[in-house]
Protein backbone atom coordinates (compact mmCIF):
# COMPACT_ATOMS: atom_id res chain seq x y z
CA MET A 1 -105.73 19.21 -109.09
CA LYS A 2 -108.60 21.41 -109.45
CA LYS A 3 -110.94 20.30 -111.94
CA THR A 4 -113.31 22.51 -114.08
CA HIS A 5 -116.94 21.28 -113.79
CA PHE A 6 -118.44 19.53 -116.70
CA ALA A 7 -120.99 22.15 -117.23
CA ALA A 8 -118.18 24.62 -118.61
CA LEU A 9 -116.96 21.85 -121.09
CA ASN A 10 -120.56 21.34 -122.59
CA LYS A 11 -121.63 24.91 -122.41
CA ASP A 12 -122.34 26.55 -125.93
CA LEU A 13 -120.71 23.76 -128.07
CA SER A 14 -122.33 23.31 -131.23
CA ASN A 15 -124.69 20.32 -131.76
CA LEU A 16 -122.59 19.23 -134.76
CA GLY A 17 -118.93 18.83 -134.71
CA PHE A 18 -116.31 19.59 -137.66
CA GLY A 19 -114.61 16.30 -138.53
CA ALA A 20 -111.39 17.86 -139.93
CA ALA A 21 -109.91 14.53 -141.41
CA GLY A 22 -111.35 15.50 -144.60
CA ILE A 23 -109.73 18.82 -144.92
CA SER A 24 -106.37 17.32 -145.23
CA GLY A 25 -106.66 16.54 -148.65
CA GLU A 26 -103.92 15.06 -150.70
CA ALA A 27 -101.28 14.72 -147.71
CA GLY A 28 -102.14 11.27 -147.25
CA GLY A 29 -102.72 9.32 -143.84
CA TYR A 30 -106.16 8.95 -142.81
CA ALA A 31 -107.76 11.34 -145.23
CA PHE A 32 -110.64 11.31 -147.59
CA GLY A 33 -109.48 12.91 -151.02
CA ASN A 34 -108.04 15.88 -152.53
CA ILE A 35 -108.97 19.41 -151.32
CA THR A 36 -106.79 22.55 -151.71
CA GLU A 37 -105.34 24.32 -148.65
CA LYS A 38 -107.27 27.52 -149.65
CA ASP A 39 -110.60 25.56 -150.07
CA ALA A 40 -110.20 23.76 -146.90
CA ILE A 41 -109.64 26.91 -145.02
CA SER A 42 -112.66 28.75 -146.57
CA LEU A 43 -114.72 25.66 -145.55
CA VAL A 44 -113.80 26.00 -142.00
CA HIS A 45 -114.19 29.66 -142.01
CA ALA A 46 -117.80 28.87 -143.49
CA ALA A 47 -118.44 26.44 -140.69
CA VAL A 48 -117.54 29.06 -137.86
CA GLU A 49 -120.06 31.74 -139.81
CA ARG A 50 -122.88 28.96 -139.50
CA GLY A 51 -122.35 28.37 -135.76
CA ILE A 52 -120.14 25.25 -135.57
CA ASN A 53 -117.66 25.75 -132.85
CA LEU A 54 -116.07 22.22 -132.25
CA PHE A 55 -113.38 20.93 -134.47
CA ASP A 56 -112.18 17.62 -134.32
CA THR A 57 -108.55 16.59 -135.56
CA ALA A 58 -105.43 14.52 -134.97
CA PRO A 59 -101.99 14.31 -136.29
CA ILE A 60 -102.70 11.27 -138.40
CA TYR A 61 -105.17 13.15 -140.52
CA GLY A 62 -102.89 14.16 -143.51
CA PHE A 63 -99.82 13.43 -141.37
CA GLY A 64 -100.19 17.00 -139.61
CA ALA A 65 -101.93 18.62 -142.60
CA SER A 66 -105.23 18.86 -140.96
CA GLU A 67 -103.96 20.46 -138.01
CA GLU A 68 -102.04 22.77 -139.83
CA ARG A 69 -104.77 23.80 -142.14
CA LEU A 70 -106.99 24.02 -139.00
CA GLY A 71 -104.50 26.02 -137.34
CA LYS A 72 -104.60 28.72 -140.06
CA ALA A 73 -108.16 28.83 -140.55
CA LEU A 74 -108.75 29.46 -136.94
CA LYS A 75 -105.82 31.61 -136.17
CA GLY A 76 -106.69 34.27 -133.54
CA ASN A 77 -110.08 32.91 -132.87
CA ASP A 78 -110.35 31.89 -129.37
CA GLN A 79 -114.15 31.30 -129.48
CA VAL A 80 -113.61 27.77 -130.97
CA PHE A 81 -113.09 24.42 -128.96
CA ILE A 82 -110.44 22.42 -130.72
CA VAL A 83 -110.14 18.79 -130.29
CA THR A 84 -107.04 16.84 -131.13
CA LYS A 85 -105.07 13.49 -130.11
CA GLY A 86 -102.13 11.84 -129.65
CA GLY A 87 -100.89 8.21 -129.93
CA VAL A 88 -101.00 7.40 -133.50
CA ASP A 89 -97.65 8.61 -134.91
CA TRP A 90 -95.47 7.68 -137.65
CA HIS A 91 -92.17 7.03 -138.92
CA SER A 92 -90.22 9.34 -141.26
CA SER A 93 -91.31 6.48 -144.18
CA LYS A 94 -94.88 7.54 -143.18
CA ARG A 95 -95.52 3.92 -141.84
CA VAL A 96 -97.94 4.46 -138.89
CA ASN A 97 -96.83 3.58 -135.70
CA MET A 98 -99.42 3.38 -133.01
CA SER A 99 -98.00 3.91 -129.41
CA ASN A 100 -98.96 5.42 -126.04
CA GLU A 101 -95.57 5.37 -124.57
CA PRO A 102 -95.30 8.67 -122.49
CA LYS A 103 -92.29 10.25 -124.49
CA VAL A 104 -94.38 9.84 -127.74
CA ILE A 105 -97.41 11.50 -126.36
CA GLU A 106 -95.49 14.21 -124.94
CA ARG A 107 -93.89 14.84 -128.20
CA MET A 108 -97.12 14.55 -130.21
CA LEU A 109 -98.81 17.21 -127.73
CA HIS A 110 -95.95 19.78 -128.41
CA GLU A 111 -96.19 18.98 -132.34
CA SER A 112 -99.87 19.59 -132.21
CA LEU A 113 -99.60 22.69 -130.21
CA LYS A 114 -97.22 24.16 -132.91
CA ARG A 115 -99.12 23.08 -135.92
CA LEU A 116 -102.52 24.31 -134.47
CA GLY A 117 -100.48 27.62 -133.49
CA ARG A 118 -102.09 27.33 -130.06
CA GLU A 119 -100.65 27.55 -126.44
CA GLN A 120 -103.28 25.71 -125.29
CA ILE A 121 -105.63 22.90 -126.70
CA ASP A 122 -109.07 22.70 -125.52
CA LEU A 123 -109.51 18.96 -125.50
CA TYR A 124 -106.54 16.19 -125.70
CA MET A 125 -107.32 12.75 -126.32
CA ILE A 126 -105.61 9.46 -126.33
CA HIS A 127 -106.29 8.38 -129.80
CA TRP A 128 -106.55 4.55 -129.42
CA PRO A 129 -105.78 2.19 -126.55
CA ASP A 130 -102.11 0.58 -126.87
CA VAL A 131 -102.02 -3.00 -125.39
CA ASN A 132 -98.38 -2.49 -124.69
CA VAL A 133 -98.73 0.76 -122.45
CA ASP A 134 -100.54 1.07 -119.40
CA ILE A 135 -102.95 3.90 -119.90
CA ARG A 136 -101.76 5.90 -116.61
CA ARG A 137 -98.16 6.32 -117.94
CA PRO A 138 -99.25 8.66 -120.98
CA LEU A 139 -102.17 10.15 -118.73
CA GLU A 140 -99.54 11.40 -115.95
CA VAL A 141 -97.83 13.26 -118.61
CA LEU A 142 -100.87 14.97 -119.74
CA VAL A 143 -102.08 15.82 -116.48
CA LYS A 144 -98.61 17.39 -115.67
CA ALA A 145 -99.45 19.21 -119.22
CA GLN A 146 -102.60 20.30 -118.15
CA GLU A 147 -101.26 21.69 -114.92
CA GLN A 148 -98.91 23.71 -116.95
CA GLY A 149 -101.91 25.01 -118.94
CA LYS A 150 -100.99 23.31 -122.44
CA ILE A 151 -104.36 21.26 -122.03
CA LYS A 152 -107.67 22.49 -120.75
CA TYR A 153 -109.34 18.95 -120.66
CA LEU A 154 -108.54 15.16 -121.42
CA GLY A 155 -110.21 12.74 -123.19
CA LEU A 156 -110.37 8.81 -124.34
CA CYS A 157 -110.95 7.99 -127.86
CA ASN A 158 -111.97 4.69 -128.72
CA THR A 159 -111.38 3.44 -125.39
CA ASN A 160 -112.09 -0.23 -123.71
CA GLN A 161 -113.11 -1.12 -120.05
CA GLU A 162 -109.51 -1.66 -118.81
CA ASP A 163 -108.30 1.74 -119.76
CA LEU A 164 -111.52 3.13 -118.83
CA GLU A 165 -110.90 1.83 -115.20
CA LYS A 166 -107.22 2.37 -114.84
CA SER A 167 -107.73 6.06 -116.22
CA SER A 168 -109.94 6.82 -113.20
CA GLU A 169 -106.82 6.29 -110.83
CA VAL A 170 -104.79 9.03 -112.50
CA CYS A 171 -107.56 11.79 -113.50
CA SER A 172 -111.06 12.41 -114.13
CA ILE A 173 -111.87 11.98 -118.04
CA ASP A 174 -113.82 15.16 -119.33
CA ALA A 175 -114.80 13.42 -122.80
CA PHE A 176 -115.02 10.23 -124.70
CA GLN A 177 -115.13 9.76 -128.62
CA SER A 178 -116.03 6.56 -130.35
CA GLN A 179 -117.45 5.33 -133.64
CA HIS A 180 -121.15 5.90 -133.36
CA ASN A 181 -123.81 5.29 -135.89
CA LEU A 182 -126.82 3.17 -136.91
CA TRP A 183 -124.98 -0.09 -136.84
CA GLU A 184 -122.22 0.66 -134.30
CA THR A 185 -122.94 1.97 -130.65
CA THR A 186 -120.65 -0.11 -128.53
CA GLY A 187 -118.48 2.97 -127.53
CA TYR A 188 -121.23 4.91 -126.34
CA ASP A 189 -122.76 1.98 -124.40
CA LEU A 190 -119.61 1.30 -122.47
CA VAL A 191 -119.33 5.00 -121.35
CA GLU A 192 -123.03 5.90 -120.97
CA SER A 193 -123.15 5.96 -117.24
CA LYS A 194 -120.46 8.45 -117.01
CA LEU A 195 -122.04 11.15 -119.50
CA ASP A 196 -123.65 13.28 -116.82
CA ARG A 197 -120.14 14.46 -116.41
CA ALA A 198 -118.49 14.10 -119.44
CA LEU A 199 -118.95 14.88 -123.26
CA PHE A 200 -119.47 12.35 -125.80
CA MET A 201 -118.44 12.83 -129.67
CA GLY A 202 -119.49 10.40 -132.21
CA TRP A 203 -117.30 9.62 -135.12
CA GLY A 204 -118.16 7.77 -138.39
CA THR A 205 -121.88 9.12 -138.16
CA LEU A 206 -122.40 8.22 -141.77
CA ASP A 207 -119.84 5.51 -141.66
CA LYS A 208 -117.37 7.51 -144.22
CA GLY A 209 -120.25 7.79 -146.67
CA ILE A 210 -122.02 4.60 -146.71
CA LEU A 211 -124.92 6.14 -144.71
CA SER A 212 -125.22 9.11 -147.03
CA GLY A 213 -125.31 7.12 -149.92
CA ARG A 214 -122.14 8.67 -151.18
CA VAL A 215 -120.65 5.03 -151.32
CA THR A 216 -121.46 2.94 -154.25
CA LYS A 217 -120.20 -0.39 -155.39
CA ASP A 218 -118.38 1.15 -158.11
CA ARG A 219 -117.33 4.41 -156.88
CA LYS A 220 -113.61 5.15 -157.63
CA TYR A 221 -111.43 7.30 -154.85
CA ASP A 222 -108.39 9.56 -154.99
CA GLU A 223 -105.37 8.42 -154.25
CA SER A 224 -105.08 10.12 -151.23
CA ASP A 225 -108.15 8.94 -150.00
CA ALA A 226 -107.66 6.16 -147.17
CA ARG A 227 -110.94 4.08 -148.68
CA SER A 228 -108.61 3.29 -151.89
CA TRP A 229 -106.05 1.32 -149.93
CA ALA A 230 -106.67 0.88 -146.01
CA PRO A 231 -107.18 -2.84 -144.58
CA TRP A 232 -110.15 -1.46 -142.62
CA TRP A 233 -112.29 -0.70 -145.90
CA ASN A 234 -113.24 -4.30 -146.73
CA LYS A 235 -115.04 -4.29 -149.76
CA LYS A 236 -116.91 -7.20 -148.96
CA GLU A 237 -118.36 -5.52 -145.68
CA VAL A 238 -119.01 -2.44 -147.33
CA GLN A 239 -121.06 -4.12 -150.28
CA GLN A 240 -123.19 -5.69 -147.84
CA LYS A 241 -123.65 -2.40 -146.03
CA ILE A 242 -124.58 -0.87 -149.33
CA ASP A 243 -127.20 -3.44 -149.89
CA LEU A 244 -128.75 -2.87 -146.43
CA VAL A 245 -128.64 0.74 -146.86
CA GLU A 246 -130.65 0.37 -150.46
CA ALA A 247 -133.05 -2.04 -149.02
CA PHE A 248 -133.90 -0.37 -145.88
CA SER A 249 -134.03 3.08 -147.66
CA GLN A 250 -137.30 1.93 -149.59
CA LYS A 251 -138.99 1.61 -146.15
CA LEU A 252 -138.04 4.95 -145.20
CA GLU A 253 -139.39 6.53 -147.96
CA GLU A 254 -142.80 5.58 -146.34
CA TYR A 255 -141.96 8.18 -143.75
CA ASN A 256 -140.64 10.39 -146.16
CA LEU A 257 -137.07 10.19 -144.61
CA SER A 258 -133.59 9.88 -146.22
CA MET A 259 -131.03 7.53 -145.06
CA LYS A 260 -128.79 10.50 -144.28
CA THR A 261 -131.56 12.31 -142.37
CA PHE A 262 -132.31 9.16 -140.47
CA ALA A 263 -128.70 8.49 -139.30
CA LEU A 264 -128.34 12.21 -138.30
CA MET A 265 -131.56 12.30 -136.24
CA ALA A 266 -130.89 8.67 -134.62
CA ALA A 267 -128.06 10.69 -132.90
CA LYS A 268 -130.33 12.84 -131.14
CA THR A 269 -132.50 10.17 -129.77
CA LEU A 270 -130.08 8.89 -126.98
CA PRO A 271 -130.80 9.11 -123.34
CA LYS A 272 -127.57 11.15 -123.05
CA PRO A 273 -126.30 13.75 -125.45
CA VAL A 274 -123.87 13.02 -128.39
CA ILE A 275 -122.18 15.57 -130.62
CA PRO A 276 -121.82 13.84 -134.09
CA LEU A 277 -118.94 14.63 -135.73
CA VAL A 278 -119.34 15.13 -139.53
CA GLY A 279 -116.89 15.48 -142.31
CA VAL A 280 -117.79 17.46 -145.33
CA LYS A 281 -115.74 18.76 -148.42
CA THR A 282 -117.93 21.45 -149.81
CA VAL A 283 -119.92 24.38 -148.32
CA ALA A 284 -122.99 22.92 -149.97
CA ASP A 285 -122.41 19.68 -148.11
CA LEU A 286 -122.17 21.50 -144.86
CA ASP A 287 -125.14 23.54 -145.36
CA ASN A 288 -127.25 20.27 -146.18
CA MET A 289 -125.79 18.47 -143.15
CA ILE A 290 -126.66 21.46 -140.76
CA GLU A 291 -130.10 21.73 -142.27
CA LEU A 292 -130.94 17.81 -141.78
CA PHE A 293 -129.65 17.76 -138.47
CA SER A 294 -132.00 20.92 -137.42
CA ARG A 295 -135.30 19.29 -138.70
CA GLU A 296 -137.91 18.15 -136.14
CA TYR A 297 -138.49 14.45 -135.74
CA ASP A 298 -140.64 11.96 -134.09
CA SER A 299 -138.01 10.46 -131.45
CA THR A 300 -140.25 7.25 -130.97
CA LEU A 301 -140.57 6.64 -134.61
CA ILE A 302 -136.86 7.17 -135.17
CA LYS A 303 -135.95 4.89 -132.14
CA THR A 304 -138.10 2.14 -133.32
CA LEU A 305 -136.64 2.31 -136.95
CA ALA A 306 -133.24 2.36 -135.51
CA LYS A 307 -133.51 -0.76 -133.59
CA GLU A 308 -134.91 -2.54 -136.47
CA PHE A 309 -132.32 -1.15 -138.72
CA LYS A 310 -129.53 -2.61 -136.36
CA ASP A 311 -131.43 -6.03 -135.71
CA LEU A 312 -131.39 -6.25 -139.34
CA TYR A 313 -127.76 -5.78 -139.77
CA LEU A 314 -126.89 -8.13 -136.65
CA SER A 315 -128.90 -10.84 -138.29
CA GLN A 316 -127.06 -10.78 -141.59
CA ASN A 317 -123.79 -10.53 -139.71
CA THR A 318 -124.25 -13.74 -137.21
């Protein structure tokens, strides 16, 4: 199968990616609080107007609502790059079912095409590893869909060494996506050697608001916000992180840096390019994110501070 060179994938993509989990609003699933469909669509339009052209979504974001809203907002726009995923499914009761079974992946792909209103998805990714399914099986299904023109590029999210090795027996992986922020870099470290010919997107750049200062000890969340109920939102761990952010913010003041600016700049100092995926709920937040990310910075200083920050975090968690 003839593959498009990585340069074509990377060409003209915005430096920041739009993380669309936040536009799913009250629909539930992996979501971050209420936002109307009208406001969500307006926010996506504002992002396009400001030059952002990479939009990342998944079926579990609002149980399909994120894809549907993104599809409506980007209808007729073939200049954007849409990323979606398969493997995190749900039952009729909305109980999450994580499965990379080929039949599940194939069904989810076609459901995503319909929600997005597209004949082709720019980048389709396996959302999470599945210990019960050999990664080669769903990838074979996706390679066939790629040959049929339903997918342009293939990628792996949150992958591990075993899946990374097995996937190479089936196809070339065009892109990777993992959590990536000041205290979590393992996903990037795993695939760094492959990033001369593959794209890397980092989710959780601001760690769901902790690194932006939006998360405080007493903050209350909408019922539709996953942080109000999800087991991965461990209150003790969150409080430890908040304490570290508050303490380190005082040090950053010496360099006229906010924690949010520091977190965004750190993503620009890595040896291989990273596209941070950022979630916003308002145009004002979008403008602020773009402005901070575009600032000039002293890369040596940011690298030094980032290492100090991560070392401090690790010392508190060993």
